Amino acid sequence: MEKEEIKEEVKLEQDEHKTKLFQEIKSITFSAILIALMFAFAWTVLGFIPLGFVSPTTVFLPVAVGICCIEKKRYGIALGIAFGICSWIRAFAPASVLDPYFQNPLVSVLPRALMGVVVVFLYALIKKAVKNTIVRGIIVGALVPLFNTVFTMALLLIFHYADITALLEGASVANWLFGSVVLLNMLPEMALGIIVTAIVSKSIEKIKF
């Protein structure tokens, strides 16, 4: 009897291990697909839309979708870093006057990594408080571009304030950047993030990562 119980326990442990392994493989595969999408977006007009001084982006969308769907902190952070690497590489083929400053990884990679860290921990709190997948998608779809903009603009000003002041010929850098980024970047990105993240996360919520 004891042997049968031991065998049953071992079988349950093996089944649990296989389930976890399968879920991990799904998470890795889905993350790889999202990262591939980021790089595909980054090198087309769909990824960074040049508008002269600024370039609104859609590359953040896979990050928001990944945070909502995979629901594992390490993958959300990895997606944020991948977003930053995409931005860093893309900066070597500049499409706007600010793009060369993003060749500095402290301006391109670090803020996206920070964004990933902040949003995944906020999502852990959101998940406890909000059970509706669409509502969670709406919140994360807004938070990702919000924190991306906040961290990116902050580090851009910290490391390149003097250069941008010279570029703008003494104009109020903080006010000018804030106005243009909010109007041309952050608000449209938040609207797009809300729509896409809510729809996609709801569509694939039955896939357990």
N, C-alpha and C. Protein backbone atom coordinates (compact mmCIF):
# COMPACT_ATOMS: atom_id res chain seq x y z
N MET A 1 0.83 -1.21 0.00
CA MET A 1 0.00 0.00 0.00
C MET A 1 0.87 1.25 0.00
N GLU A 2 1.90 1.22 0.84
CA GLU A 2 2.79 2.37 0.93
C GLU A 2 3.53 2.58 -0.39
N LYS A 3 3.93 1.47 -1.04
CA LYS A 3 4.63 1.57 -2.31
C LYS A 3 3.74 2.22 -3.37
N GLU A 4 2.47 1.85 -3.37
CA GLU A 4 1.53 2.42 -4.33
C GLU A 4 1.35 3.92 -4.09
N GLU A 5 1.29 4.30 -2.82
CA GLU A 5 1.16 5.72 -2.48
C GLU A 5 2.39 6.49 -2.92
N ILE A 6 3.56 5.89 -2.71
CA ILE A 6 4.81 6.54 -3.12
C ILE A 6 4.85 6.70 -4.64
N LYS A 7 4.44 5.63 -5.35
CA LYS A 7 4.41 5.70 -6.81
C LYS A 7 3.45 6.78 -7.29
N GLU A 8 2.31 6.88 -6.60
CA GLU A 8 1.32 7.90 -6.98
C GLU A 8 1.87 9.30 -6.75
N GLU A 9 2.56 9.49 -5.64
CA GLU A 9 3.16 10.79 -5.35
C GLU A 9 4.23 11.16 -6.37
N VAL A 10 5.04 10.17 -6.72
CA VAL A 10 6.09 10.39 -7.72
C VAL A 10 5.47 10.76 -9.06
N LYS A 11 4.40 10.05 -9.43
CA LYS A 11 3.72 10.32 -10.70
C LYS A 11 3.14 11.73 -10.71
N LEU A 12 2.54 12.13 -9.59
CA LEU A 12 1.97 13.48 -9.50
C LEU A 12 3.06 14.54 -9.63
N GLU A 13 4.19 14.28 -8.98
CA GLU A 13 5.32 15.22 -9.06
C GLU A 13 5.84 15.32 -10.49
N GLN A 14 5.91 14.17 -11.16
CA GLN A 14 6.39 14.16 -12.55
C GLN A 14 5.42 14.90 -13.46
N ASP A 15 4.13 14.67 -13.25
CA ASP A 15 3.11 15.35 -14.05
C ASP A 15 3.16 16.86 -13.82
N GLU A 16 3.34 17.24 -12.56
CA GLU A 16 3.43 18.67 -12.23
C GLU A 16 4.66 19.30 -12.88
N HIS A 17 5.77 18.56 -12.84
CA HIS A 17 7.01 19.05 -13.46
C HIS A 17 6.83 19.21 -14.97
N LYS A 18 6.18 18.23 -15.61
CA LYS A 18 5.94 18.30 -17.05
C LYS A 18 5.04 19.49 -17.39
N THR A 19 4.02 19.72 -16.56
CA THR A 19 3.11 20.85 -16.79
C THR A 19 3.85 22.17 -16.69
N LYS A 20 4.68 22.31 -15.65
CA LYS A 20 5.45 23.54 -15.48
C LYS A 20 6.43 23.74 -16.63
N LEU A 21 7.06 22.65 -17.05
CA LEU A 21 8.02 22.72 -18.16
C LEU A 21 7.32 23.15 -19.44
N PHE A 22 6.14 22.58 -19.69
CA PHE A 22 5.37 22.92 -20.88
C PHE A 22 4.95 24.39 -20.85
N GLN A 23 4.51 24.86 -19.68
CA GLN A 23 4.13 26.26 -19.54
C GLN A 23 5.32 27.18 -19.77
N GLU A 24 6.49 26.76 -19.26
CA GLU A 24 7.70 27.56 -19.44
C GLU A 24 8.09 27.63 -20.92
N ILE A 25 7.96 26.52 -21.61
CA ILE A 25 8.26 26.49 -23.04
C ILE A 25 7.32 27.42 -23.79
N LYS A 26 6.04 27.41 -23.42
CA LYS A 26 5.07 28.30 -24.06
C LYS A 26 5.43 29.76 -23.80
N SER A 27 5.84 30.06 -22.57
CA SER A 27 6.22 31.43 -22.22
C SER A 27 7.43 31.89 -23.02
N ILE A 28 8.42 31.02 -23.13
CA ILE A 28 9.63 31.35 -23.89
C ILE A 28 9.29 31.56 -25.36
N THR A 29 8.47 30.67 -25.91
CA THR A 29 8.10 30.75 -27.32
C THR A 29 7.32 32.03 -27.61
N PHE A 30 6.36 32.34 -26.75
CA PHE A 30 5.55 33.54 -26.96
C PHE A 30 6.40 34.79 -26.81
N SER A 31 7.32 34.78 -25.84
CA SER A 31 8.23 35.92 -25.67
C SER A 31 9.10 36.11 -26.91
N ALA A 32 9.58 35.00 -27.46
CA ALA A 32 10.41 35.08 -28.67
C ALA A 32 9.62 35.67 -29.84
N ILE A 33 8.36 35.29 -29.95
CA ILE A 33 7.50 35.84 -31.01
C ILE A 33 7.33 37.35 -30.81
N LEU A 34 7.09 37.76 -29.57
CA LEU A 34 6.90 39.18 -29.27
C LEU A 34 8.17 39.98 -29.55
N ILE A 35 9.32 39.43 -29.19
CA ILE A 35 10.59 40.11 -29.45
C ILE A 35 10.83 40.21 -30.96
N ALA A 36 10.51 39.15 -31.69
CA ALA A 36 10.65 39.18 -33.15
C ALA A 36 9.76 40.27 -33.75
N LEU A 37 8.55 40.40 -33.21
CA LEU A 37 7.65 41.46 -33.67
C LEU A 37 8.23 42.84 -33.39
N MET A 38 8.85 43.01 -32.22
CA MET A 38 9.47 44.29 -31.89
C MET A 38 10.52 44.67 -32.93
N PHE A 39 11.41 43.72 -33.24
CA PHE A 39 12.47 44.00 -34.20
C PHE A 39 11.89 44.25 -35.60
N ALA A 40 10.81 43.51 -35.95
CA ALA A 40 10.16 43.74 -37.24
C ALA A 40 9.55 45.14 -37.29
N PHE A 41 8.88 45.53 -36.21
CA PHE A 41 8.30 46.87 -36.13
C PHE A 41 9.39 47.94 -36.20
N ALA A 42 10.49 47.70 -35.48
CA ALA A 42 11.54 48.72 -35.34
C ALA A 42 12.15 49.10 -36.68
N TRP A 43 12.14 48.18 -37.64
CA TRP A 43 12.79 48.46 -38.92
C TRP A 43 11.79 48.72 -40.03
N THR A 44 10.56 49.07 -39.66
CA THR A 44 9.57 49.51 -40.64
C THR A 44 8.95 50.80 -40.13
N VAL A 45 8.20 51.46 -40.99
CA VAL A 45 7.55 52.71 -40.60
C VAL A 45 6.49 52.47 -39.53
N LEU A 46 6.08 51.21 -39.36
CA LEU A 46 5.09 50.88 -38.33
C LEU A 46 5.66 50.99 -36.93
N GLY A 47 6.98 50.85 -36.80
CA GLY A 47 7.60 50.83 -35.47
C GLY A 47 7.90 52.20 -34.91
N PHE A 48 8.64 53.00 -35.67
CA PHE A 48 8.97 54.36 -35.27
C PHE A 48 8.51 55.29 -36.39
N ILE A 49 7.55 56.13 -36.11
CA ILE A 49 6.95 56.99 -37.12
C ILE A 49 7.62 58.36 -37.06
N PRO A 50 8.50 58.69 -38.01
CA PRO A 50 9.24 59.95 -37.95
C PRO A 50 8.36 61.16 -38.19
N LEU A 51 8.34 62.07 -37.23
CA LEU A 51 7.57 63.31 -37.34
C LEU A 51 8.48 64.53 -37.15
N GLY A 52 9.69 64.43 -37.64
CA GLY A 52 10.62 65.54 -37.54
C GLY A 52 11.41 65.50 -36.24
N PHE A 53 10.85 66.11 -35.18
CA PHE A 53 11.58 66.18 -33.92
C PHE A 53 11.37 64.95 -33.06
N VAL A 54 10.23 64.31 -33.20
CA VAL A 54 9.91 63.14 -32.38
C VAL A 54 9.52 61.96 -33.27
N SER A 55 9.51 60.77 -32.68
CA SER A 55 9.13 59.56 -33.42
C SER A 55 8.22 58.69 -32.55
N PRO A 56 6.91 58.84 -32.67
CA PRO A 56 6.00 57.94 -31.93
C PRO A 56 6.29 56.49 -32.30
N THR A 57 6.07 55.59 -31.36
CA THR A 57 6.43 54.19 -31.59
C THR A 57 5.28 53.24 -31.28
N THR A 58 5.30 52.11 -31.97
CA THR A 58 4.37 51.01 -31.65
C THR A 58 5.14 49.81 -31.08
N VAL A 59 6.45 49.95 -30.94
CA VAL A 59 7.29 48.83 -30.49
C VAL A 59 6.96 48.42 -29.06
N PHE A 60 6.33 49.31 -28.30
CA PHE A 60 5.97 49.00 -26.91
C PHE A 60 4.82 48.01 -26.83
N LEU A 61 4.04 47.86 -27.91
CA LEU A 61 2.84 47.01 -27.86
C LEU A 61 3.14 45.56 -27.46
N PRO A 62 4.16 44.90 -28.04
CA PRO A 62 4.47 43.54 -27.58
C PRO A 62 4.84 43.47 -26.10
N VAL A 63 5.43 44.55 -25.57
CA VAL A 63 5.77 44.57 -24.14
C VAL A 63 4.49 44.53 -23.31
N ALA A 64 3.54 45.39 -23.65
CA ALA A 64 2.28 45.45 -22.91
C ALA A 64 1.52 44.13 -23.01
N VAL A 65 1.47 43.57 -24.21
CA VAL A 65 0.77 42.29 -24.42
C VAL A 65 1.46 41.18 -23.62
N GLY A 66 2.79 41.15 -23.65
CA GLY A 66 3.52 40.12 -22.92
C GLY A 66 3.32 40.19 -21.42
N ILE A 67 3.33 41.41 -20.88
CA ILE A 67 3.12 41.57 -19.43
C ILE A 67 1.74 41.06 -19.04
N CYS A 68 0.74 41.35 -19.86
CA CYS A 68 -0.63 40.94 -19.55
C CYS A 68 -0.85 39.44 -19.74
N CYS A 69 -0.26 38.88 -20.78
CA CYS A 69 -0.57 37.50 -21.14
C CYS A 69 0.33 36.47 -20.45
N ILE A 70 1.62 36.77 -20.33
CA ILE A 70 2.53 35.80 -19.73
C ILE A 70 2.46 35.86 -18.21
N GLU A 71 2.31 37.05 -17.66
CA GLU A 71 2.11 37.25 -16.21
C GLU A 71 3.26 36.71 -15.37
N LYS A 72 4.46 36.77 -15.91
CA LYS A 72 5.65 36.38 -15.14
C LYS A 72 6.64 37.54 -15.20
N LYS A 73 7.10 37.98 -14.04
CA LYS A 73 7.90 39.21 -13.97
C LYS A 73 9.14 39.16 -14.86
N ARG A 74 9.85 38.05 -14.84
CA ARG A 74 11.13 38.00 -15.58
C ARG A 74 10.92 38.19 -17.08
N TYR A 75 9.79 37.71 -17.60
CA TYR A 75 9.53 37.87 -19.03
C TYR A 75 9.13 39.31 -19.36
N GLY A 76 8.36 39.94 -18.49
CA GLY A 76 8.00 41.34 -18.70
C GLY A 76 9.23 42.23 -18.70
N ILE A 77 10.14 41.98 -17.76
CA ILE A 77 11.38 42.77 -17.68
C ILE A 77 12.24 42.51 -18.92
N ALA A 78 12.33 41.25 -19.34
CA ALA A 78 13.11 40.91 -20.54
C ALA A 78 12.55 41.60 -21.78
N LEU A 79 11.23 41.67 -21.87
CA LEU A 79 10.60 42.34 -23.01
C LEU A 79 10.90 43.84 -23.00
N GLY A 80 10.91 44.44 -21.81
CA GLY A 80 11.27 45.85 -21.70
C GLY A 80 12.69 46.10 -22.17
N ILE A 81 13.61 45.23 -21.76
CA ILE A 81 15.01 45.35 -22.19
C ILE A 81 15.13 45.17 -23.70
N ALA A 82 14.39 44.20 -24.25
CA ALA A 82 14.41 43.98 -25.70
C ALA A 82 13.91 45.21 -26.45
N PHE A 83 12.89 45.86 -25.91
CA PHE A 83 12.37 47.10 -26.48
C PHE A 83 13.48 48.15 -26.51
N GLY A 84 14.21 48.26 -25.40
CA GLY A 84 15.31 49.22 -25.33
C GLY A 84 16.40 48.92 -26.34
N ILE A 85 16.72 47.65 -26.51
CA ILE A 85 17.76 47.26 -27.48
C ILE A 85 17.31 47.59 -28.90
N CYS A 86 16.03 47.37 -29.19
CA CYS A 86 15.48 47.74 -30.50
C CYS A 86 15.66 49.24 -30.75
N SER A 87 15.33 50.04 -29.75
CA SER A 87 15.45 51.49 -29.86
C SER A 87 16.91 51.90 -30.05
N TRP A 88 17.80 51.24 -29.31
CA TRP A 88 19.23 51.55 -29.39
C TRP A 88 19.78 51.25 -30.78
N ILE A 89 19.46 50.07 -31.32
CA ILE A 89 19.94 49.70 -32.66
C ILE A 89 19.35 50.63 -33.71
N ARG A 90 18.06 50.92 -33.58
CA ARG A 90 17.37 51.78 -34.55
C ARG A 90 17.96 53.19 -34.57
N ALA A 91 18.52 53.63 -33.46
CA ALA A 91 19.07 54.99 -33.36
C ALA A 91 20.27 55.20 -34.28
N PHE A 92 20.90 54.11 -34.71
CA PHE A 92 22.05 54.24 -35.62
C PHE A 92 21.62 54.46 -37.07
N ALA A 93 20.29 54.44 -37.30
CA ALA A 93 19.74 54.85 -38.59
C ALA A 93 18.69 55.92 -38.29
N PRO A 94 19.13 57.10 -37.83
CA PRO A 94 18.22 58.11 -37.28
C PRO A 94 17.17 58.60 -38.28
N ALA A 95 15.93 58.73 -37.76
CA ALA A 95 14.83 59.24 -38.57
C ALA A 95 14.33 60.58 -38.05
N SER A 96 14.75 60.97 -36.84
CA SER A 96 14.38 62.27 -36.28
C SER A 96 15.63 62.90 -35.65
N VAL A 97 15.56 64.18 -35.34
CA VAL A 97 16.75 64.88 -34.84
C VAL A 97 17.15 64.41 -33.44
N LEU A 98 16.22 63.79 -32.71
CA LEU A 98 16.56 63.28 -31.37
C LEU A 98 17.16 61.88 -31.40
N ASP A 99 16.97 61.17 -32.50
CA ASP A 99 17.40 59.76 -32.56
C ASP A 99 18.88 59.54 -32.23
N PRO A 100 19.80 60.40 -32.69
CA PRO A 100 21.21 60.16 -32.35
C PRO A 100 21.50 60.09 -30.85
N TYR A 101 20.70 60.79 -30.05
CA TYR A 101 20.91 60.74 -28.60
C TYR A 101 20.58 59.37 -28.03
N PHE A 102 19.76 58.61 -28.76
CA PHE A 102 19.38 57.28 -28.30
C PHE A 102 20.45 56.23 -28.61
N GLN A 103 21.53 56.66 -29.24
CA GLN A 103 22.68 55.77 -29.39
C GLN A 103 23.37 55.53 -28.04
N ASN A 104 23.04 56.38 -27.09
CA ASN A 104 23.50 56.19 -25.71
C ASN A 104 22.56 55.19 -25.03
N PRO A 105 23.03 53.99 -24.67
CA PRO A 105 22.13 52.98 -24.07
C PRO A 105 21.49 53.43 -22.76
N LEU A 106 22.08 54.43 -22.09
CA LEU A 106 21.46 54.95 -20.88
C LEU A 106 20.18 55.72 -21.20
N VAL A 107 20.03 56.13 -22.44
CA VAL A 107 18.83 56.85 -22.89
C VAL A 107 17.86 55.92 -23.61
N SER A 108 18.38 54.91 -24.28
CA SER A 108 17.52 54.02 -25.06
C SER A 108 17.14 52.73 -24.33
N VAL A 109 18.12 52.08 -23.69
CA VAL A 109 17.87 50.77 -23.06
C VAL A 109 17.42 50.91 -21.60
N LEU A 110 18.13 51.72 -20.82
CA LEU A 110 17.84 51.83 -19.39
C LEU A 110 16.40 52.24 -19.09
N PRO A 111 15.85 53.29 -19.75
CA PRO A 111 14.47 53.67 -19.41
C PRO A 111 13.45 52.58 -19.73
N ARG A 112 13.69 51.82 -20.78
CA ARG A 112 12.75 50.73 -21.14
C ARG A 112 12.87 49.58 -20.15
N ALA A 113 14.09 49.34 -19.66
CA ALA A 113 14.26 48.32 -18.63
C ALA A 113 13.54 48.74 -17.35
N LEU A 114 13.69 50.02 -16.97
CA LEU A 114 13.00 50.54 -15.78
C LEU A 114 11.49 50.46 -15.95
N MET A 115 11.03 50.80 -17.15
CA MET A 115 9.60 50.71 -17.44
C MET A 115 9.09 49.28 -17.25
N GLY A 116 9.85 48.29 -17.76
CA GLY A 116 9.45 46.90 -17.60
C GLY A 116 9.37 46.49 -16.15
N VAL A 117 10.36 46.89 -15.36
CA VAL A 117 10.38 46.55 -13.93
C VAL A 117 9.17 47.15 -13.22
N VAL A 118 8.93 48.43 -13.44
CA VAL A 118 7.84 49.12 -12.75
C VAL A 118 6.48 48.52 -13.12
N VAL A 119 6.26 48.32 -14.42
CA VAL A 119 4.94 47.86 -14.87
C VAL A 119 4.66 46.42 -14.43
N VAL A 120 5.66 45.54 -14.45
CA VAL A 120 5.39 44.16 -14.03
C VAL A 120 5.01 44.08 -12.55
N PHE A 121 5.63 44.93 -11.73
CA PHE A 121 5.27 44.92 -10.31
C PHE A 121 3.91 45.58 -10.08
N LEU A 122 3.62 46.62 -10.86
CA LEU A 122 2.28 47.22 -10.77
C LEU A 122 1.23 46.22 -11.25
N TYR A 123 1.55 45.45 -12.29
CA TYR A 123 0.60 44.47 -12.80
C TYR A 123 0.28 43.40 -11.75
N ALA A 124 1.28 43.02 -10.96
CA ALA A 124 1.04 42.04 -9.90
C ALA A 124 -0.01 42.56 -8.92
N LEU A 125 0.03 43.85 -8.63
CA LEU A 125 -0.97 44.46 -7.75
C LEU A 125 -2.32 44.58 -8.46
N ILE A 126 -2.27 44.97 -9.73
CA ILE A 126 -3.51 45.12 -10.51
C ILE A 126 -4.24 43.80 -10.62
N LYS A 127 -3.49 42.71 -10.84
CA LYS A 127 -4.09 41.39 -11.00
C LYS A 127 -4.86 40.96 -9.76
N LYS A 128 -4.36 41.35 -8.59
CA LYS A 128 -5.05 41.00 -7.35
C LYS A 128 -6.34 41.79 -7.19
N ALA A 129 -6.34 43.03 -7.67
CA ALA A 129 -7.48 43.91 -7.47
C ALA A 129 -8.50 43.84 -8.60
N VAL A 130 -8.04 43.52 -9.81
CA VAL A 130 -8.91 43.54 -10.99
C VAL A 130 -8.94 42.15 -11.61
N LYS A 131 -10.11 41.56 -11.70
CA LYS A 131 -10.23 40.20 -12.24
C LYS A 131 -10.56 40.19 -13.73
N ASN A 132 -11.07 41.30 -14.25
CA ASN A 132 -11.47 41.37 -15.65
C ASN A 132 -10.25 41.54 -16.55
N THR A 133 -10.08 40.62 -17.50
CA THR A 133 -8.91 40.64 -18.38
C THR A 133 -8.85 41.91 -19.22
N ILE A 134 -9.99 42.34 -19.73
CA ILE A 134 -10.02 43.53 -20.59
C ILE A 134 -9.61 44.77 -19.81
N VAL A 135 -10.10 44.90 -18.59
CA VAL A 135 -9.76 46.06 -17.76
C VAL A 135 -8.27 46.06 -17.45
N ARG A 136 -7.73 44.88 -17.13
CA ARG A 136 -6.28 44.79 -16.88
C ARG A 136 -5.50 45.19 -18.13
N GLY A 137 -5.98 44.75 -19.29
CA GLY A 137 -5.32 45.11 -20.55
C GLY A 137 -5.36 46.60 -20.80
N ILE A 138 -6.48 47.22 -20.48
CA ILE A 138 -6.62 48.68 -20.64
C ILE A 138 -5.61 49.41 -19.76
N ILE A 139 -5.50 48.97 -18.51
CA ILE A 139 -4.60 49.63 -17.56
C ILE A 139 -3.14 49.47 -18.00
N VAL A 140 -2.75 48.25 -18.32
CA VAL A 140 -1.36 48.01 -18.72
C VAL A 140 -1.05 48.69 -20.06
N GLY A 141 -2.03 48.67 -20.97
CA GLY A 141 -1.84 49.34 -22.26
C GLY A 141 -1.60 50.82 -22.12
N ALA A 142 -2.09 51.42 -21.05
CA ALA A 142 -1.83 52.84 -20.78
C ALA A 142 -0.54 53.03 -19.99
N LEU A 143 -0.26 52.13 -19.05
CA LEU A 143 0.92 52.29 -18.19
C LEU A 143 2.24 52.15 -18.94
N VAL A 144 2.30 51.23 -19.88
CA VAL A 144 3.57 50.99 -20.60
C VAL A 144 4.03 52.23 -21.35
N PRO A 145 3.21 52.84 -22.23
CA PRO A 145 3.68 54.06 -22.89
C PRO A 145 3.86 55.23 -21.94
N LEU A 146 3.08 55.28 -20.86
CA LEU A 146 3.23 56.36 -19.88
C LEU A 146 4.61 56.31 -19.24
N PHE A 147 4.97 55.16 -18.67
CA PHE A 147 6.27 55.05 -18.00
C PHE A 147 7.42 55.07 -19.00
N ASN A 148 7.18 54.55 -20.20
CA ASN A 148 8.21 54.64 -21.24
C ASN A 148 8.55 56.10 -21.53
N THR A 149 7.53 56.93 -21.66
CA THR A 149 7.74 58.35 -21.94
C THR A 149 8.40 59.06 -20.77
N VAL A 150 7.91 58.81 -19.57
CA VAL A 150 8.43 59.48 -18.38
C VAL A 150 9.91 59.16 -18.19
N PHE A 151 10.26 57.88 -18.20
CA PHE A 151 11.66 57.49 -17.97
C PHE A 151 12.57 57.94 -19.12
N THR A 152 12.08 57.80 -20.36
CA THR A 152 12.90 58.18 -21.51
C THR A 152 13.20 59.67 -21.52
N MET A 153 12.16 60.49 -21.31
CA MET A 153 12.37 61.94 -21.31
C MET A 153 13.26 62.38 -20.15
N ALA A 154 13.08 61.74 -19.00
CA ALA A 154 13.89 62.10 -17.82
C ALA A 154 15.37 61.83 -18.08
N LEU A 155 15.68 60.65 -18.60
CA LEU A 155 17.08 60.29 -18.84
C LEU A 155 17.66 61.05 -20.04
N LEU A 156 16.82 61.36 -21.01
CA LEU A 156 17.27 62.17 -22.14
C LEU A 156 17.72 63.55 -21.67
N LEU A 157 16.93 64.15 -20.78
CA LEU A 157 17.27 65.47 -20.25
C LEU A 157 18.48 65.40 -19.31
N ILE A 158 18.57 64.33 -18.53
CA ILE A 158 19.70 64.19 -17.60
C ILE A 158 21.03 64.11 -18.36
N PHE A 159 21.06 63.32 -19.42
CA PHE A 159 22.33 63.06 -20.12
C PHE A 159 22.60 64.00 -21.29
N HIS A 160 21.56 64.63 -21.84
CA HIS A 160 21.79 65.43 -23.05
C HIS A 160 21.11 66.80 -22.99
N TYR A 161 20.92 67.32 -21.80
CA TYR A 161 20.23 68.61 -21.66
C TYR A 161 20.95 69.71 -22.44
N ALA A 162 22.26 69.80 -22.28
CA ALA A 162 23.02 70.87 -22.93
C ALA A 162 22.94 70.76 -24.45
N ASP A 163 23.04 69.54 -24.96
CA ASP A 163 22.99 69.33 -26.41
C ASP A 163 21.63 69.74 -26.97
N ILE A 164 20.56 69.37 -26.26
CA ILE A 164 19.22 69.68 -26.75
C ILE A 164 18.95 71.18 -26.64
N THR A 165 19.47 71.81 -25.60
CA THR A 165 19.33 73.26 -25.45
C THR A 165 19.97 73.97 -26.64
N ALA A 166 21.16 73.52 -27.02
CA ALA A 166 21.84 74.10 -28.18
C ALA A 166 21.06 73.85 -29.46
N LEU A 167 20.49 72.64 -29.57
CA LEU A 167 19.71 72.28 -30.75
C LEU A 167 18.49 73.18 -30.90
N LEU A 168 17.87 73.51 -29.78
CA LEU A 168 16.67 74.35 -29.79
C LEU A 168 16.99 75.84 -29.70
N GLU A 169 18.29 76.16 -29.70
CA GLU A 169 18.75 77.55 -29.68
C GLU A 169 18.19 78.32 -28.48
N GLY A 170 18.32 77.69 -27.31
CA GLY A 170 17.97 78.38 -26.08
C GLY A 170 16.50 78.32 -25.69
N ALA A 171 15.68 77.61 -26.45
CA ALA A 171 14.26 77.51 -26.09
C ALA A 171 14.12 76.73 -24.79
N SER A 172 12.96 76.85 -24.17
CA SER A 172 12.72 76.12 -22.92
C SER A 172 12.63 74.63 -23.24
N VAL A 173 13.72 73.92 -22.99
CA VAL A 173 13.81 72.52 -23.39
C VAL A 173 12.74 71.66 -22.73
N ALA A 174 12.62 71.79 -21.42
CA ALA A 174 11.67 70.95 -20.68
C ALA A 174 10.25 71.18 -21.18
N ASN A 175 9.85 72.44 -21.33
CA ASN A 175 8.49 72.75 -21.78
C ASN A 175 8.26 72.27 -23.21
N TRP A 176 9.24 72.52 -24.07
CA TRP A 176 9.10 72.14 -25.48
C TRP A 176 8.99 70.63 -25.62
N LEU A 177 9.89 69.92 -24.96
CA LEU A 177 9.87 68.46 -25.04
C LEU A 177 8.59 67.89 -24.46
N PHE A 178 8.20 68.41 -23.30
CA PHE A 178 6.98 67.91 -22.65
C PHE A 178 5.78 68.08 -23.56
N GLY A 179 5.63 69.28 -24.12
CA GLY A 179 4.47 69.55 -24.98
C GLY A 179 4.45 68.68 -26.22
N SER A 180 5.58 68.59 -26.91
CA SER A 180 5.61 67.83 -28.17
C SER A 180 5.46 66.34 -27.92
N VAL A 181 6.11 65.85 -26.87
CA VAL A 181 6.05 64.41 -26.59
C VAL A 181 4.66 64.00 -26.15
N VAL A 182 4.03 64.79 -25.29
CA VAL A 182 2.68 64.46 -24.82
C VAL A 182 1.69 64.47 -25.97
N LEU A 183 1.77 65.50 -26.81
CA LEU A 183 0.81 65.64 -27.90
C LEU A 183 1.04 64.64 -29.02
N LEU A 184 2.30 64.44 -29.41
CA LEU A 184 2.60 63.63 -30.58
C LEU A 184 2.99 62.19 -30.25
N ASN A 185 3.44 61.95 -29.05
CA ASN A 185 3.89 60.60 -28.69
C ASN A 185 2.98 59.92 -27.69
N MET A 186 3.00 60.42 -26.46
CA MET A 186 2.42 59.66 -25.36
C MET A 186 0.91 59.44 -25.49
N LEU A 187 0.15 60.48 -25.77
CA LEU A 187 -1.31 60.31 -25.81
C LEU A 187 -1.77 59.36 -26.91
N PRO A 188 -1.28 59.50 -28.16
CA PRO A 188 -1.65 58.51 -29.18
C PRO A 188 -1.17 57.09 -28.84
N GLU A 189 0.03 56.99 -28.27
CA GLU A 189 0.54 55.67 -27.89
C GLU A 189 -0.32 55.04 -26.80
N MET A 190 -0.75 55.83 -25.84
CA MET A 190 -1.62 55.31 -24.78
C MET A 190 -2.95 54.82 -25.36
N ALA A 191 -3.52 55.60 -26.28
CA ALA A 191 -4.79 55.20 -26.90
C ALA A 191 -4.63 53.89 -27.66
N LEU A 192 -3.55 53.79 -28.44
CA LEU A 192 -3.30 52.56 -29.19
C LEU A 192 -3.01 51.39 -28.26
N GLY A 193 -2.22 51.64 -27.22
CA GLY A 193 -1.89 50.59 -26.26
C GLY A 193 -3.12 50.04 -25.55
N ILE A 194 -4.02 50.92 -25.17
CA ILE A 194 -5.26 50.51 -24.50
C ILE A 194 -6.07 49.57 -25.39
N ILE A 195 -6.25 49.97 -26.65
CA ILE A 195 -7.08 49.19 -27.57
C ILE A 195 -6.45 47.83 -27.87
N VAL A 196 -5.18 47.85 -28.29
CA VAL A 196 -4.52 46.61 -28.73
C VAL A 196 -4.32 45.64 -27.57
N THR A 197 -3.84 46.14 -26.44
CA THR A 197 -3.55 45.25 -25.30
C THR A 197 -4.83 44.61 -24.77
N ALA A 198 -5.89 45.39 -24.68
CA ALA A 198 -7.17 44.84 -24.19
C ALA A 198 -7.69 43.75 -25.11
N ILE A 199 -7.65 44.00 -26.42
CA ILE A 199 -8.18 43.04 -27.39
C ILE A 199 -7.34 41.76 -27.42
N VAL A 200 -6.02 41.92 -27.50
CA VAL A 200 -5.14 40.75 -27.62
C VAL A 200 -5.14 39.92 -26.34
N SER A 201 -5.05 40.58 -25.19
CA SER A 201 -5.02 39.83 -23.93
C SER A 201 -6.31 39.07 -23.71
N LYS A 202 -7.44 39.64 -24.12
CA LYS A 202 -8.72 38.94 -24.00
C LYS A 202 -8.78 37.76 -24.97
N SER A 203 -8.23 37.95 -26.16
CA SER A 203 -8.29 36.92 -27.20
C SER A 203 -7.51 35.67 -26.82
N ILE A 204 -6.41 35.84 -26.07
CA ILE A 204 -5.56 34.67 -25.77
C ILE A 204 -5.50 34.36 -24.28
N GLU A 205 -6.51 34.83 -23.52
CA GLU A 205 -6.47 34.61 -22.08
C GLU A 205 -6.58 33.13 -21.69
N LYS A 206 -7.11 32.30 -22.57
CA LYS A 206 -7.26 30.88 -22.25
C LYS A 206 -5.94 30.11 -22.35
N ILE A 207 -4.94 30.74 -22.97
CA ILE A 207 -3.62 30.10 -23.04
C ILE A 207 -2.90 30.35 -21.73
N LYS A 208 -2.62 29.32 -20.99
CA LYS A 208 -1.99 29.46 -19.68
C LYS A 208 -0.47 29.46 -19.83
N PHE A 209 0.15 30.60 -19.52
CA PHE A 209 1.60 30.68 -19.59
C PHE A 209 2.21 30.44 -18.22
